[in-house]
Amino acid sequence: MGKRPRINPDDLDRRVTDLNQYKRSREQAQRRAPPKPPGGSFLGSNPRAPLILAIVVALLLALYVAPLFLR
């Protein structure tokens, strides 16, 4: 059998050494509400999205209506 590798004490996570504190922090994290996803609306998170959508609709409407008046 080979030798077991030596564990460097600097590599250990010091936060897990106190089990009571670890459990307490884990319970607090579970109690916290999960963060809401950003930009969950229909138009996304771009604040100018309604303006862009209005311009696109106006252009499409103009392209549809303009030939009707040119007859």
PDB file of N, CA and C in Angstrom:
ATOM      1  N   MET A   1       0.838  -1.181   0.000  1.00  0.00           N
ATOM      2  CA  MET A   1       0.000   0.000   0.000  1.00  0.00           C
ATOM      3  C   MET A   1       0.878   1.236   0.000  1.00  0.00           C
ATOM      4  N   GLY A   2       0.375   2.244  -0.716  1.00  0.00           N
ATOM      5  CA  GLY A   2       1.127   3.487  -0.785  1.00  0.00           C
ATOM      6  C   GLY A   2       0.844   4.369   0.410  1.00  0.00           C
ATOM      7  N   LYS A   3       1.634   5.395   0.510  1.00  0.00           N
ATOM      8  CA  LYS A   3       1.441   6.348   1.600  1.00  0.00           C
ATOM      9  C   LYS A   3       0.230   7.226   1.306  1.00  0.00           C
ATOM     10  N   ARG A   4      -0.447   7.580   2.370  1.00  0.00           N
ATOM     11  CA  ARG A   4      -1.553   8.520   2.215  1.00  0.00           C
ATOM     12  C   ARG A   4      -0.972   9.918   2.027  1.00  0.00           C
ATOM     13  N   PRO A   5      -1.599  10.712   1.163  1.00  0.00           N
ATOM     14  CA  PRO A   5      -1.083  12.072   0.972  1.00  0.00           C
ATOM     15  C   PRO A   5      -1.301  12.905   2.236  1.00  0.00           C
ATOM     16  N   ARG A   6      -0.338  13.764   2.488  1.00  0.00           N
ATOM     17  CA  ARG A   6      -0.456  14.646   3.644  1.00  0.00           C
ATOM     18  C   ARG A   6      -1.469  15.736   3.354  1.00  0.00           C
ATOM     19  N   ILE A   7      -2.262  16.071   4.354  1.00  0.00           N
ATOM     20  CA  ILE A   7      -3.279  17.113   4.212  1.00  0.00           C
ATOM     21  C   ILE A   7      -2.678  18.421   4.698  1.00  0.00           C
ATOM     22  N   ASN A   8      -2.722  19.393   3.840  1.00  0.00           N
ATOM     23  CA  ASN A   8      -2.230  20.719   4.180  1.00  0.00           C
ATOM     24  C   ASN A   8      -3.299  21.418   5.023  1.00  0.00           C
ATOM     25  N   PRO A   9      -2.976  21.856   6.238  1.00  0.00           N
ATOM     26  CA  PRO A   9      -3.986  22.516   7.089  1.00  0.00           C
ATOM     27  C   PRO A   9      -4.537  23.794   6.479  1.00  0.00           C
ATOM     28  N   ASP A  10      -3.795  24.421   5.582  1.00  0.00           N
ATOM     29  CA  ASP A  10      -4.280  25.651   4.952  1.00  0.00           C
ATOM     30  C   ASP A  10      -5.395  25.359   3.952  1.00  0.00           C
ATOM     31  N   ASP A  11      -5.456  24.133   3.433  1.00  0.00           N
ATOM     32  CA  ASP A  11      -6.471  23.768   2.455  1.00  0.00           C
ATOM     33  C   ASP A  11      -7.815  23.419   3.093  1.00  0.00           C
ATOM     34  N   LEU A  12      -7.837  23.204   4.389  1.00  0.00           N
ATOM     35  CA  LEU A  12      -9.067  22.828   5.060  1.00  0.00           C
ATOM     36  C   LEU A  12      -9.999  24.025   5.183  1.00  0.00           C
ATOM     37  N   ASP A  13     -11.263  23.764   5.121  1.00  0.00           N
ATOM     38  CA  ASP A  13     -12.262  24.810   5.280  1.00  0.00           C
ATOM     39  C   ASP A  13     -12.517  25.003   6.771  1.00  0.00           C
ATOM     40  N   ARG A  14     -12.148  26.131   7.291  1.00  0.00           N
ATOM     41  CA  ARG A  14     -12.257  26.391   8.728  1.00  0.00           C
ATOM     42  C   ARG A  14     -13.709  26.602   9.164  1.00  0.00           C
ATOM     43  N   ARG A  15     -14.600  26.922   8.225  1.00  0.00           N
ATOM     44  CA  ARG A  15     -15.982  27.192   8.613  1.00  0.00           C
ATOM     45  C   ARG A  15     -16.699  25.916   9.054  1.00  0.00           C
ATOM     46  N   VAL A  16     -16.234  24.746   8.666  1.00  0.00           N
ATOM     47  CA  VAL A  16     -16.930  23.503   8.955  1.00  0.00           C
ATOM     48  C   VAL A  16     -16.456  22.890  10.269  1.00  0.00           C
ATOM     49  N   THR A  17     -15.435  23.427  10.870  1.00  0.00           N
ATOM     50  CA  THR A  17     -14.904  22.821  12.083  1.00  0.00           C
ATOM     51  C   THR A  17     -15.873  22.918  13.255  1.00  0.00           C
ATOM     52  N   ASP A  18     -16.670  23.963  13.325  1.00  0.00           N
ATOM     53  CA  ASP A  18     -17.657  24.103  14.388  1.00  0.00           C
ATOM     54  C   ASP A  18     -18.996  23.629  13.847  1.00  0.00           C
ATOM     55  N   LEU A  19     -19.425  22.450  14.231  1.00  0.00           N
ATOM     56  CA  LEU A  19     -20.622  21.834  13.675  1.00  0.00           C
ATOM     57  C   LEU A  19     -21.884  22.606  14.028  1.00  0.00           C
ATOM     58  N   ASN A  20     -21.957  23.136  15.242  1.00  0.00           N
ATOM     59  CA  ASN A  20     -23.139  23.903  15.633  1.00  0.00           C
ATOM     60  C   ASN A  20     -23.290  25.163  14.793  1.00  0.00           C
ATOM     61  N   GLN A  21     -22.189  25.838  14.557  1.00  0.00           N
ATOM     62  CA  GLN A  21     -22.239  27.048  13.740  1.00  0.00           C
ATOM     63  C   GLN A  21     -22.591  26.692  12.289  1.00  0.00           C
ATOM     64  N   TYR A  22     -22.082  25.585  11.814  1.00  0.00           N
ATOM     65  CA  TYR A  22     -22.381  25.139  10.450  1.00  0.00           C
ATOM     66  C   TYR A  22     -23.874  24.846  10.307  1.00  0.00           C
ATOM     67  N   LYS A  23     -24.453  24.138  11.266  1.00  0.00           N
ATOM     68  CA  LYS A  23     -25.881  23.817  11.212  1.00  0.00           C
ATOM     69  C   LYS A  23     -26.724  25.078  11.299  1.00  0.00           C
ATOM     70  N   ARG A  24     -26.328  25.995  12.168  1.00  0.00           N
ATOM     71  CA  ARG A  24     -27.065  27.244  12.326  1.00  0.00           C
ATOM     72  C   ARG A  24     -27.058  28.048  11.022  1.00  0.00           C
ATOM     73  N   SER A  25     -25.913  28.157  10.389  1.00  0.00           N
ATOM     74  CA  SER A  25     -25.837  28.931   9.146  1.00  0.00           C
ATOM     75  C   SER A  25     -26.600  28.238   8.028  1.00  0.00           C
ATOM     76  N   ARG A  26     -26.605  26.910   8.013  1.00  0.00           N
ATOM     77  CA  ARG A  26     -27.348  26.171   6.995  1.00  0.00           C
ATOM     78  C   ARG A  26     -28.856  26.374   7.194  1.00  0.00           C
ATOM     79  N   GLU A  27     -29.326  26.381   8.432  1.00  0.00           N
ATOM     80  CA  GLU A  27     -30.744  26.612   8.698  1.00  0.00           C
ATOM     81  C   GLU A  27     -31.157  28.029   8.316  1.00  0.00           C
ATOM     82  N   GLN A  28     -30.293  28.999   8.582  1.00  0.00           N
ATOM     83  CA  GLN A  28     -30.599  30.381   8.206  1.00  0.00           C
ATOM     84  C   GLN A  28     -30.672  30.514   6.692  1.00  0.00           C
ATOM     85  N   ALA A  29     -29.800  29.831   5.989  1.00  0.00           N
ATOM     86  CA  ALA A  29     -29.818  29.893   4.529  1.00  0.00           C
ATOM     87  C   ALA A  29     -31.092  29.262   3.979  1.00  0.00           C
ATOM     88  N   GLN A  30     -31.596  28.233   4.624  1.00  0.00           N
ATOM     89  CA  GLN A  30     -32.835  27.602   4.177  1.00  0.00           C
ATOM     90  C   GLN A  30     -34.044  28.476   4.472  1.00  0.00           C
ATOM     91  N   ARG A  31     -33.994  29.249   5.536  1.00  0.00           N
ATOM     92  CA  ARG A  31     -35.113  30.121   5.900  1.00  0.00           C
ATOM     93  C   ARG A  31     -35.227  31.313   4.966  1.00  0.00           C
ATOM     94  N   ARG A  32     -34.091  31.756   4.428  1.00  0.00           N
ATOM     95  CA  ARG A  32     -34.109  32.902   3.530  1.00  0.00           C
ATOM     96  C   ARG A  32     -34.884  32.578   2.264  1.00  0.00           C
ATOM     97  N   ALA A  33     -35.606  33.551   1.765  1.00  0.00           N
ATOM     98  CA  ALA A  33     -36.362  33.354   0.532  1.00  0.00           C
ATOM     99  C   ALA A  33     -35.388  33.257  -0.644  1.00  0.00           C
ATOM    100  N   PRO A  34     -35.668  32.381  -1.594  1.00  0.00           N
ATOM    101  CA  PRO A  34     -34.779  32.286  -2.753  1.00  0.00           C
ATOM    102  C   PRO A  34     -34.838  33.576  -3.569  1.00  0.00           C
ATOM    103  N   PRO A  35     -33.736  33.992  -4.151  1.00  0.00           N
ATOM    104  CA  PRO A  35     -33.736  35.242  -4.916  1.00  0.00           C
ATOM    105  C   PRO A  35     -34.601  35.114  -6.166  1.00  0.00           C
ATOM    106  N   LYS A  36     -35.273  36.198  -6.491  1.00  0.00           N
ATOM    107  CA  LYS A  36     -36.120  36.205  -7.676  1.00  0.00           C
ATOM    108  C   LYS A  36     -35.244  36.316  -8.925  1.00  0.00           C
ATOM    109  N   PRO A  37     -35.605  35.623  -9.979  1.00  0.00           N
ATOM    110  CA  PRO A  37     -34.810  35.735 -11.203  1.00  0.00           C
ATOM    111  C   PRO A  37     -34.959  37.131 -11.802  1.00  0.00           C
ATOM    112  N   PRO A  38     -33.873  37.730 -12.261  1.00  0.00           N
ATOM    113  CA  PRO A  38     -33.951  39.078 -12.815  1.00  0.00           C
ATOM    114  C   PRO A  38     -34.662  39.066 -14.165  1.00  0.00           C
ATOM    115  N   GLY A  39     -35.428  40.095 -14.405  1.00  0.00           N
ATOM    116  CA  GLY A  39     -36.073  40.248 -15.710  1.00  0.00           C
ATOM    117  C   GLY A  39     -37.084  39.170 -16.009  1.00  0.00           C
ATOM    118  N   GLY A  40     -37.960  38.875 -15.099  1.00  0.00           N
ATOM    119  CA  GLY A  40     -38.928  37.830 -15.322  1.00  0.00           C
ATOM    120  C   GLY A  40     -40.148  38.291 -16.098  1.00  0.00           C
ATOM    121  N   SER A  41     -40.157  39.512 -16.592  1.00  0.00           N
ATOM    122  CA  SER A  41     -41.327  40.014 -17.298  1.00  0.00           C
ATOM    123  C   SER A  41     -41.315  39.535 -18.749  1.00  0.00           C
ATOM    124  N   PHE A  42     -42.401  39.804 -19.440  1.00  0.00           N
ATOM    125  CA  PHE A  42     -42.552  39.379 -20.839  1.00  0.00           C
ATOM    126  C   PHE A  42     -41.510  40.032 -21.751  1.00  0.00           C
ATOM    127  N   LEU A  43     -41.204  41.300 -21.488  1.00  0.00           N
ATOM    128  CA  LEU A  43     -40.281  42.034 -22.353  1.00  0.00           C
ATOM    129  C   LEU A  43     -38.820  41.900 -21.929  1.00  0.00           C
ATOM    130  N   GLY A  44     -38.557  41.222 -20.855  1.00  0.00           N
ATOM    131  CA  GLY A  44     -37.183  41.041 -20.417  1.00  0.00           C
ATOM    132  C   GLY A  44     -36.746  42.145 -19.479  1.00  0.00           C
ATOM    133  N   SER A  45     -35.441  42.254 -19.288  1.00  0.00           N
ATOM    134  CA  SER A  45     -34.928  43.208 -18.310  1.00  0.00           C
ATOM    135  C   SER A  45     -34.476  44.524 -18.929  1.00  0.00           C
ATOM    136  N   ASN A  46     -34.584  44.666 -20.241  1.00  0.00           N
ATOM    137  CA  ASN A  46     -34.183  45.898 -20.893  1.00  0.00           C
ATOM    138  C   ASN A  46     -35.197  46.993 -20.575  1.00  0.00           C
ATOM    139  N   PRO A  47     -34.777  48.116 -19.984  1.00  0.00           N
ATOM    140  CA  PRO A  47     -35.739  49.166 -19.638  1.00  0.00           C
ATOM    141  C   PRO A  47     -36.323  49.863 -20.864  1.00  0.00           C
ATOM    142  N   ARG A  48     -35.674  49.764 -22.017  1.00  0.00           N
ATOM    143  CA  ARG A  48     -36.171  50.406 -23.238  1.00  0.00           C
ATOM    144  C   ARG A  48     -36.997  49.460 -24.099  1.00  0.00           C
ATOM    145  N   ALA A  49     -37.275  48.274 -23.629  1.00  0.00           N
ATOM    146  CA  ALA A  49     -38.010  47.284 -24.407  1.00  0.00           C
ATOM    147  C   ALA A  49     -39.390  47.777 -24.836  1.00  0.00           C
ATOM    148  N   PRO A  50     -40.176  48.436 -23.973  1.00  0.00           N
ATOM    149  CA  PRO A  50     -41.484  48.918 -24.441  1.00  0.00           C
ATOM    150  C   PRO A  50     -41.369  49.932 -25.579  1.00  0.00           C
ATOM    151  N   LEU A  51     -40.379  50.801 -25.522  1.00  0.00           N
ATOM    152  CA  LEU A  51     -40.175  51.790 -26.580  1.00  0.00           C
ATOM    153  C   LEU A  51     -39.812  51.104 -27.896  1.00  0.00           C
ATOM    154  N   ILE A  52     -38.906  50.135 -27.838  1.00  0.00           N
ATOM    155  CA  ILE A  52     -38.501  49.407 -29.035  1.00  0.00           C
ATOM    156  C   ILE A  52     -39.686  48.647 -29.619  1.00  0.00           C
ATOM    157  N   LEU A  53     -40.475  48.023 -28.772  1.00  0.00           N
ATOM    158  CA  LEU A  53     -41.646  47.284 -29.230  1.00  0.00           C
ATOM    159  C   LEU A  53     -42.653  48.226 -29.886  1.00  0.00           C
ATOM    160  N   ALA A  54     -42.849  49.400 -29.311  1.00  0.00           N
ATOM    161  CA  ALA A  54     -43.779  50.366 -29.892  1.00  0.00           C
ATOM    162  C   ALA A  54     -43.294  50.841 -31.262  1.00  0.00           C
ATOM    163  N   ILE A  55     -41.997  51.060 -31.421  1.00  0.00           N
ATOM    164  CA  ILE A  55     -41.442  51.494 -32.711  1.00  0.00           C
ATOM    165  C   ILE A  55     -41.615  50.399 -33.756  1.00  0.00           C
ATOM    166  N   VAL A  56     -41.362  49.152 -33.378  1.00  0.00           N
ATOM    167  CA  VAL A  56     -41.507  48.042 -34.322  1.00  0.00           C
ATOM    168  C   VAL A  56     -42.964  47.895 -34.747  1.00  0.00           C
ATOM    169  N   VAL A  57     -43.886  47.998 -33.805  1.00  0.00           N
ATOM    170  CA  VAL A  57     -45.313  47.891 -34.144  1.00  0.00           C
ATOM    171  C   VAL A  57     -45.730  49.046 -35.056  1.00  0.00           C
ATOM    172  N   ALA A  58     -45.254  50.258 -34.789  1.00  0.00           N
ATOM    173  CA  ALA A  58     -45.592  51.416 -35.628  1.00  0.00           C
ATOM    174  C   ALA A  58     -45.044  51.239 -37.038  1.00  0.00           C
ATOM    175  N   LEU A  59     -43.828  50.722 -37.168  1.00  0.00           N
ATOM    176  CA  LEU A  59     -43.250  50.485 -38.498  1.00  0.00           C
ATOM    177  C   LEU A  59     -44.028  49.418 -39.258  1.00  0.00           C
ATOM    178  N   LEU A  60     -44.367  48.337 -38.592  1.00  0.00           N
ATOM    179  CA  LEU A  60     -45.135  47.284 -39.260  1.00  0.00           C
ATOM    180  C   LEU A  60     -46.513  47.785 -39.674  1.00  0.00           C
ATOM    181  N   LEU A  61     -47.133  48.578 -38.821  1.00  0.00           N
ATOM    182  CA  LEU A  61     -48.428  49.148 -39.147  1.00  0.00           C
ATOM    183  C   LEU A  61     -48.313  50.107 -40.333  1.00  0.00           C
ATOM    184  N   ALA A  62     -47.253  50.914 -40.356  1.00  0.00           N
ATOM    185  CA  ALA A  62     -47.044  51.844 -41.465  1.00  0.00           C
ATOM    186  C   ALA A  62     -46.792  51.081 -42.766  1.00  0.00           C
ATOM    187  N   LEU A  63     -46.045  50.001 -42.720  1.00  0.00           N
ATOM    188  CA  LEU A  63     -45.782  49.218 -43.928  1.00  0.00           C
ATOM    189  C   LEU A  63     -47.043  48.520 -44.432  1.00  0.00           C
ATOM    190  N   TYR A  64     -47.956  48.227 -43.560  1.00  0.00           N
ATOM    191  CA  TYR A  64     -49.197  47.574 -43.960  1.00  0.00           C
ATOM    192  C   TYR A  64     -50.233  48.585 -44.450  1.00  0.00           C
ATOM    193  N   VAL A  65     -50.317  49.731 -43.788  1.00  0.00           N
ATOM    194  CA  VAL A  65     -51.350  50.713 -44.101  1.00  0.00           C
ATOM    195  C   VAL A  65     -50.948  51.624 -45.258  1.00  0.00           C
ATOM    196  N   ALA A  66     -49.690  51.970 -45.397  1.00  0.00           N
ATOM    197  CA  ALA A  66     -49.241  52.909 -46.439  1.00  0.00           C
ATOM    198  C   ALA A  66     -49.594  52.434 -47.832  1.00  0.00           C
ATOM    199  N   PRO A  67     -49.396  51.178 -48.206  1.00  0.00           N
ATOM    200  CA  PRO A  67     -49.781  50.762 -49.571  1.00  0.00           C
ATOM    201  C   PRO A  67     -51.285  50.847 -49.817  1.00  0.00           C
ATOM    202  N   LEU A  68     -52.104  50.775 -48.791  1.00  0.00           N
ATOM    203  CA  LEU A  68     -53.540  50.878 -48.975  1.00  0.00           C
ATOM    204  C   LEU A  68     -53.937  52.303 -49.408  1.00  0.00           C
ATOM    205  N   PHE A  69     -53.226  53.321 -48.933  1.00  0.00           N
ATOM    206  CA  PHE A  69     -53.520  54.711 -49.305  1.00  0.00           C
ATOM    207  C   PHE A  69     -52.924  55.087 -50.652  1.00  0.00           C
ATOM    208  N   LEU A  70     -51.932  54.354 -51.141  1.00  0.00           N
ATOM    209  CA  LEU A  70     -51.278  54.692 -52.398  1.00  0.00           C
ATOM    210  C   LEU A  70     -52.023  54.157 -53.610  1.00  0.00           C
ATOM    211  N   ARG A  71     -53.084  53.418 -53.440  1.00  0.00           N
ATOM    212  CA  ARG A  71     -53.841  52.873 -54.579  1.00  0.00           C
ATOM    213  C   ARG A  71     -54.657  53.913 -55.268  1.00  0.00           C
TER     214      ARG A  71
END
